[in-house]
Amino acid sequence: MNTPAVKEFLLGLQDSIVKGLEQVDGKVFRRDQWDRPEGGGGMRSVIEEGNVLERGSVNFSHVYGTGLPASATAARPELAGRSFEAMGVSLVLHPRNPYAPAAHT
């Protein structure tokens, strides 16, 4: 896997989603970076009290470590002690309109 290319793609996807939502809502998302002491971090983008969105976030995470957590190896103990790396973009959107669906992905 080409990690830098995947990371660049996902950061671009996050930015594209945020810009589109900002156009629809008319309010700007607050953005900040976070770090995971065990390895990795990400970029958080949050909107609160928007015109269309009551609250929402579009987040990028890139985490890695030297050993999988016990919950990940419970069903496959042979993976215990193996390193891991994971990346993704997640969305949580709560519109002001109570009849519009919320999104959690």
C-alpha atoms as a PDB file:
ATOM      1  CA  MET A   1       0.000   0.000   0.000  1.00  0.00           C
ATOM      2  CA  ASN A   2       1.240   3.482  -0.845  1.00  0.00           C
ATOM      3  CA  THR A   3       0.536   5.159   2.502  1.00  0.00           C
ATOM      4  CA  PRO A   4       1.466   8.745   1.457  1.00  0.00           C
ATOM      5  CA  ALA A   5      -0.854   8.556  -1.582  1.00  0.00           C
ATOM      6  CA  VAL A   6      -3.729   7.173   0.490  1.00  0.00           C
ATOM      7  CA  LYS A   7      -3.201   9.835   3.162  1.00  0.00           C
ATOM      8  CA  GLU A   8      -3.119  12.600   0.543  1.00  0.00           C
ATOM      9  CA  PHE A   9      -6.314  11.261  -1.048  1.00  0.00           C
ATOM     10  CA  LEU A  10      -8.166  11.066   2.291  1.00  0.00           C
ATOM     11  CA  LEU A  11      -7.057  14.558   3.379  1.00  0.00           C
ATOM     12  CA  GLY A  12      -8.256  15.868   0.002  1.00  0.00           C
ATOM     13  CA  LEU A  13     -11.563  14.051   0.450  1.00  0.00           C
ATOM     14  CA  GLN A  14     -12.013  15.570   3.910  1.00  0.00           C
ATOM     15  CA  ASP A  15     -11.228  19.053   2.569  1.00  0.00           C
ATOM     16  CA  SER A  16     -13.643  18.628  -0.345  1.00  0.00           C
ATOM     17  CA  ILE A  17     -16.487  17.497   1.942  1.00  0.00           C
ATOM     18  CA  VAL A  18     -15.860  20.366   4.390  1.00  0.00           C
ATOM     19  CA  LYS A  19     -15.767  22.976   1.603  1.00  0.00           C
ATOM     20  CA  GLY A  20     -19.021  21.628   0.145  1.00  0.00           C
ATOM     21  CA  LEU A  21     -20.750  21.702   3.525  1.00  0.00           C
ATOM     22  CA  GLU A  22     -19.462  25.238   4.161  1.00  0.00           C
ATOM     23  CA  GLN A  23     -21.007  26.359   0.854  1.00  0.00           C
ATOM     24  CA  VAL A  24     -24.350  24.835   1.797  1.00  0.00           C
ATOM     25  CA  ASP A  25     -24.330  26.078   5.399  1.00  0.00           C
ATOM     26  CA  GLY A  26     -22.744  29.504   4.917  1.00  0.00           C
ATOM     27  CA  LYS A  27     -20.652  29.054   8.061  1.00  0.00           C
ATOM     28  CA  VAL A  28     -16.991  27.959   8.296  1.00  0.00           C
ATOM     29  CA  PHE A  29     -15.839  24.800  10.056  1.00  0.00           C
ATOM     30  CA  ARG A  30     -13.259  25.129  12.841  1.00  0.00           C
ATOM     31  CA  ARG A  31     -10.208  22.961  12.081  1.00  0.00           C
ATOM     32  CA  ASP A  32      -7.505  21.663  14.376  1.00  0.00           C
ATOM     33  CA  GLN A  33      -4.961  18.875  14.487  1.00  0.00           C
ATOM     34  CA  TRP A  34      -4.691  16.247  17.189  1.00  0.00           C
ATOM     35  CA  ASP A  35      -1.929  13.825  18.125  1.00  0.00           C
ATOM     36  CA  ARG A  36      -2.136  10.294  19.466  1.00  0.00           C
ATOM     37  CA  PRO A  37       0.747   9.715  21.890  1.00  0.00           C
ATOM     38  CA  GLU A  38       0.936   6.006  20.948  1.00  0.00           C
ATOM     39  CA  GLY A  39       1.345   6.919  17.257  1.00  0.00           C
ATOM     40  CA  GLY A  40      -0.450   9.027  14.702  1.00  0.00           C
ATOM     41  CA  GLY A  41      -3.057  11.733  14.861  1.00  0.00           C
ATOM     42  CA  GLY A  42      -5.440  13.536  12.594  1.00  0.00           C
ATOM     43  CA  MET A  43      -7.354  16.615  11.550  1.00  0.00           C
ATOM     44  CA  ARG A  44     -10.684  17.529  13.127  1.00  0.00           C
ATOM     45  CA  SER A  45     -13.171  19.840  11.354  1.00  0.00           C
ATOM     46  CA  VAL A  46     -16.192  20.939  13.423  1.00  0.00           C
ATOM     47  CA  ILE A  47     -19.212  23.182  12.869  1.00  0.00           C
ATOM     48  CA  GLU A  48     -21.591  24.255  15.640  1.00  0.00           C
ATOM     49  CA  GLU A  49     -24.725  26.383  15.471  1.00  0.00           C
ATOM     50  CA  GLY A  50     -24.589  26.611  11.699  1.00  0.00           C
ATOM     51  CA  ASN A  51     -27.405  27.801   9.447  1.00  0.00           C
ATOM     52  CA  VAL A  52     -28.224  24.301   8.138  1.00  0.00           C
ATOM     53  CA  LEU A  53     -26.217  22.095  10.492  1.00  0.00           C
ATOM     54  CA  GLU A  54     -26.840  22.300  14.209  1.00  0.00           C
ATOM     55  CA  ARG A  55     -23.582  20.424  14.742  1.00  0.00           C
ATOM     56  CA  GLY A  56     -21.264  18.359  12.605  1.00  0.00           C
ATOM     57  CA  SER A  57     -17.753  17.079  12.140  1.00  0.00           C
ATOM     58  CA  VAL A  58     -15.674  15.724   9.293  1.00  0.00           C
ATOM     59  CA  ASN A  59     -12.553  14.058  10.657  1.00  0.00           C
ATOM     60  CA  PHE A  60      -9.412  12.449   9.277  1.00  0.00           C
ATOM     61  CA  SER A  61      -7.523   9.915  11.407  1.00  0.00           C
ATOM     62  CA  HIS A  62      -4.201   8.175  10.823  1.00  0.00           C
ATOM     63  CA  VAL A  63      -3.195   5.937  13.721  1.00  0.00           C
ATOM     64  CA  TYR A  64      -0.548   3.257  14.088  1.00  0.00           C
ATOM     65  CA  GLY A  65       1.110   1.229  16.787  1.00  0.00           C
ATOM     66  CA  THR A  66       3.378  -1.642  17.661  1.00  0.00           C
ATOM     67  CA  GLY A  67       0.669  -3.968  18.977  1.00  0.00           C
ATOM     68  CA  LEU A  68      -2.994  -4.522  18.257  1.00  0.00           C
ATOM     69  CA  PRO A  69      -5.369  -3.980  21.178  1.00  0.00           C
ATOM     70  CA  ALA A  70      -6.745  -7.049  22.961  1.00  0.00           C
ATOM     71  CA  SER A  71     -10.214  -6.432  21.499  1.00  0.00           C
ATOM     72  CA  ALA A  72      -8.757  -6.816  17.994  1.00  0.00           C
ATOM     73  CA  THR A  73      -6.966 -10.079  18.767  1.00  0.00           C
ATOM     74  CA  ALA A  74      -9.621 -11.773  20.917  1.00  0.00           C
ATOM     75  CA  ALA A  75     -10.963 -13.807  18.002  1.00  0.00           C
ATOM     76  CA  ARG A  76      -7.533 -14.179  16.328  1.00  0.00           C
ATOM     77  CA  PRO A  77      -4.894 -14.586  19.038  1.00  0.00           C
ATOM     78  CA  GLU A  78      -2.210 -15.296  16.434  1.00  0.00           C
ATOM     79  CA  LEU A  79      -2.280 -11.555  15.613  1.00  0.00           C
ATOM     80  CA  ALA A  80      -1.274 -10.507  19.151  1.00  0.00           C
ATOM     81  CA  GLY A  81       1.827  -8.334  19.167  1.00  0.00           C
ATOM     82  CA  ARG A  82       1.565  -7.379  15.484  1.00  0.00           C
ATOM     83  CA  SER A  83       1.849  -3.758  14.446  1.00  0.00           C
ATOM     84  CA  PHE A  84      -1.029  -1.908  12.786  1.00  0.00           C
ATOM     85  CA  GLU A  85      -1.842   1.189  10.761  1.00  0.00           C
ATOM     86  CA  ALA A  86      -5.283   2.611   9.981  1.00  0.00           C
ATOM     87  CA  MET A  87      -6.572   5.705   8.150  1.00  0.00           C
ATOM     88  CA  GLY A  88     -10.012   7.032   7.400  1.00  0.00           C
ATOM     89  CA  VAL A  89     -12.460   9.914   7.118  1.00  0.00           C
ATOM     90  CA  SER A  90     -15.520   9.962   9.369  1.00  0.00           C
ATOM     91  CA  LEU A  91     -18.636  12.154   9.318  1.00  0.00           C
ATOM     92  CA  VAL A  92     -21.182  13.072  11.967  1.00  0.00           C
ATOM     93  CA  LEU A  93     -23.816  15.551  10.758  1.00  0.00           C
ATOM     94  CA  HIS A  94     -26.873  16.762  12.661  1.00  0.00           C
ATOM     95  CA  PRO A  95     -29.052  19.122  10.609  1.00  0.00           C
ATOM     96  CA  ARG A  96     -31.248  21.769  12.225  1.00  0.00           C
ATOM     97  CA  ASN A  97     -34.312  20.370  10.439  1.00  0.00           C
ATOM     98  CA  PRO A  98     -35.691  17.595  12.682  1.00  0.00           C
ATOM     99  CA  TYR A  99     -37.138  15.837   9.610  1.00  0.00           C
ATOM    100  CA  ALA A 100     -33.796  15.668   7.793  1.00  0.00           C
ATOM    101  CA  PRO A 101     -31.752  12.551   8.531  1.00  0.00           C
ATOM    102  CA  ALA A 102     -28.586  12.716  10.624  1.00  0.00           C
ATOM    103  CA  ALA A 103     -25.439  11.059   9.292  1.00  0.00           C
ATOM    104  CA  HIS A 104     -22.925   8.975  11.244  1.00  0.00           C
ATOM    105  CA  THR A 105     -20.326   7.323   9.000  1.00  0.00           C
END
